[in-house]
């Protein structure tokens, strides 16, 4: 099993305190923190995508519905019923 080595002493101490408070190993504390950050990042991406789509929809709205559907007869009339 590989060990976790944190070079920065302040970060190492903070992870140690958190792990101790939660009753976890330092590795498990870091693993859970990384998972939480990844999940939050995914949520942020979804929110940004939703905002982008809302701006796009506001800038390029769908056209109003047609009075009649564009059926075969409509397309045939465009080419002179060829």
Protein backbone atom coordinates (compact mmCIF):
# COMPACT_ATOMS: atom_id res chain seq x y z
CA UNK A 1 0.00 0.00 0.00
CA UNK A 2 1.39 3.40 -0.98
CA UNK A 3 1.65 6.09 1.64
CA UNK A 4 0.45 9.65 1.32
CA UNK A 5 3.20 12.22 1.52
CA UNK A 6 2.23 15.87 1.65
CA UNK A 7 5.24 18.15 1.20
CA UNK A 8 3.64 21.33 2.54
CA UNK A 9 3.76 21.17 6.36
CA UNK A 10 0.72 23.43 6.88
CA UNK A 11 -1.41 21.33 4.53
CA UNK A 12 -0.13 18.15 6.13
CA UNK A 13 -1.12 19.45 9.58
CA UNK A 14 -4.57 20.52 8.39
CA UNK A 15 -5.24 17.14 6.79
CA UNK A 16 -4.00 15.40 9.94
CA UNK A 17 -6.33 17.47 12.15
CA UNK A 18 -9.31 16.85 9.88
CA UNK A 19 -8.62 13.13 9.62
CA UNK A 20 -8.25 12.89 13.37
CA UNK A 21 -11.48 14.80 13.97
CA UNK A 22 -13.38 12.55 11.52
CA UNK A 23 -11.70 9.35 12.72
CA UNK A 24 -10.18 8.66 9.30
CA UNK A 25 -6.75 8.07 7.89
CA UNK A 26 -5.13 11.00 6.09
CA UNK A 27 -5.50 9.14 2.80
CA UNK A 28 -9.23 8.63 3.35
CA UNK A 29 -9.69 12.28 4.34
CA UNK A 30 -7.92 13.44 1.18
CA UNK A 31 -9.90 10.94 -0.95
CA UNK A 32 -13.22 12.26 0.41
CA UNK A 33 -12.14 15.87 -0.09
CA UNK A 34 -11.18 15.17 -3.70
CA UNK A 35 -14.51 13.40 -4.31
CA UNK A 36 -16.40 16.37 -2.85
CA UNK A 37 -14.48 18.81 -5.05
CA UNK A 38 -15.11 16.69 -8.14
CA UNK A 39 -18.84 16.51 -7.39
CA UNK A 40 -19.00 20.27 -6.85
CA UNK A 41 -17.11 20.82 -10.09
CA UNK A 42 -19.65 18.67 -11.96
CA UNK A 43 -22.50 20.70 -10.41
CA UNK A 44 -20.77 23.93 -11.47
CA UNK A 45 -20.44 22.65 -15.04
CA UNK A 46 -24.13 21.77 -15.17
CA UNK A 47 -25.10 25.21 -13.85
CA UNK A 48 -22.82 26.95 -16.37
CA UNK A 49 -24.26 24.87 -19.20
CA UNK A 50 -27.80 25.73 -18.11
CA UNK A 51 -26.95 29.45 -17.99
CA UNK A 52 -25.29 29.27 -21.42
CA UNK A 53 -28.33 27.55 -22.92
CA UNK A 54 -30.66 30.16 -21.39
CA UNK A 55 -28.56 33.00 -22.91
CA UNK A 56 -28.46 31.19 -26.27
CA UNK A 57 -32.22 30.67 -26.22
CA UNK A 58 -32.79 34.34 -25.39
CA UNK A 59 -30.49 35.44 -28.21
CA UNK A 60 -31.79 32.97 -30.81
CA UNK A 61 -35.43 32.22 -29.96
CA UNK A 62 -37.38 29.65 -31.91
CA UNK A 63 -39.61 31.09 -34.63
CA UNK A 64 -43.31 31.39 -33.98
CA UNK A 65 -45.33 28.33 -34.95
CA UNK A 66 -46.56 28.27 -38.54
CA UNK A 67 -50.23 28.52 -39.33
CA UNK A 68 -50.08 25.36 -41.40
CA UNK A 69 -47.63 22.50 -41.02
CA UNK A 70 -44.88 22.23 -43.63
CA UNK A 71 -46.12 19.00 -45.16
CA UNK A 72 -45.42 17.32 -48.51
CA UNK A 73 -47.84 19.58 -50.35
CA UNK A 74 -46.03 22.66 -49.03
CA UNK A 75 -42.63 21.42 -50.21
CA UNK A 76 -44.04 20.36 -53.57
CA UNK A 77 -45.44 23.86 -54.06
CA UNK A 78 -41.96 25.36 -53.54
CA UNK A 79 -40.66 23.54 -56.61
CA UNK A 80 -43.68 24.23 -58.75
CA UNK A 81 -45.15 20.77 -58.05
CA UNK A 82 -42.36 18.95 -59.95
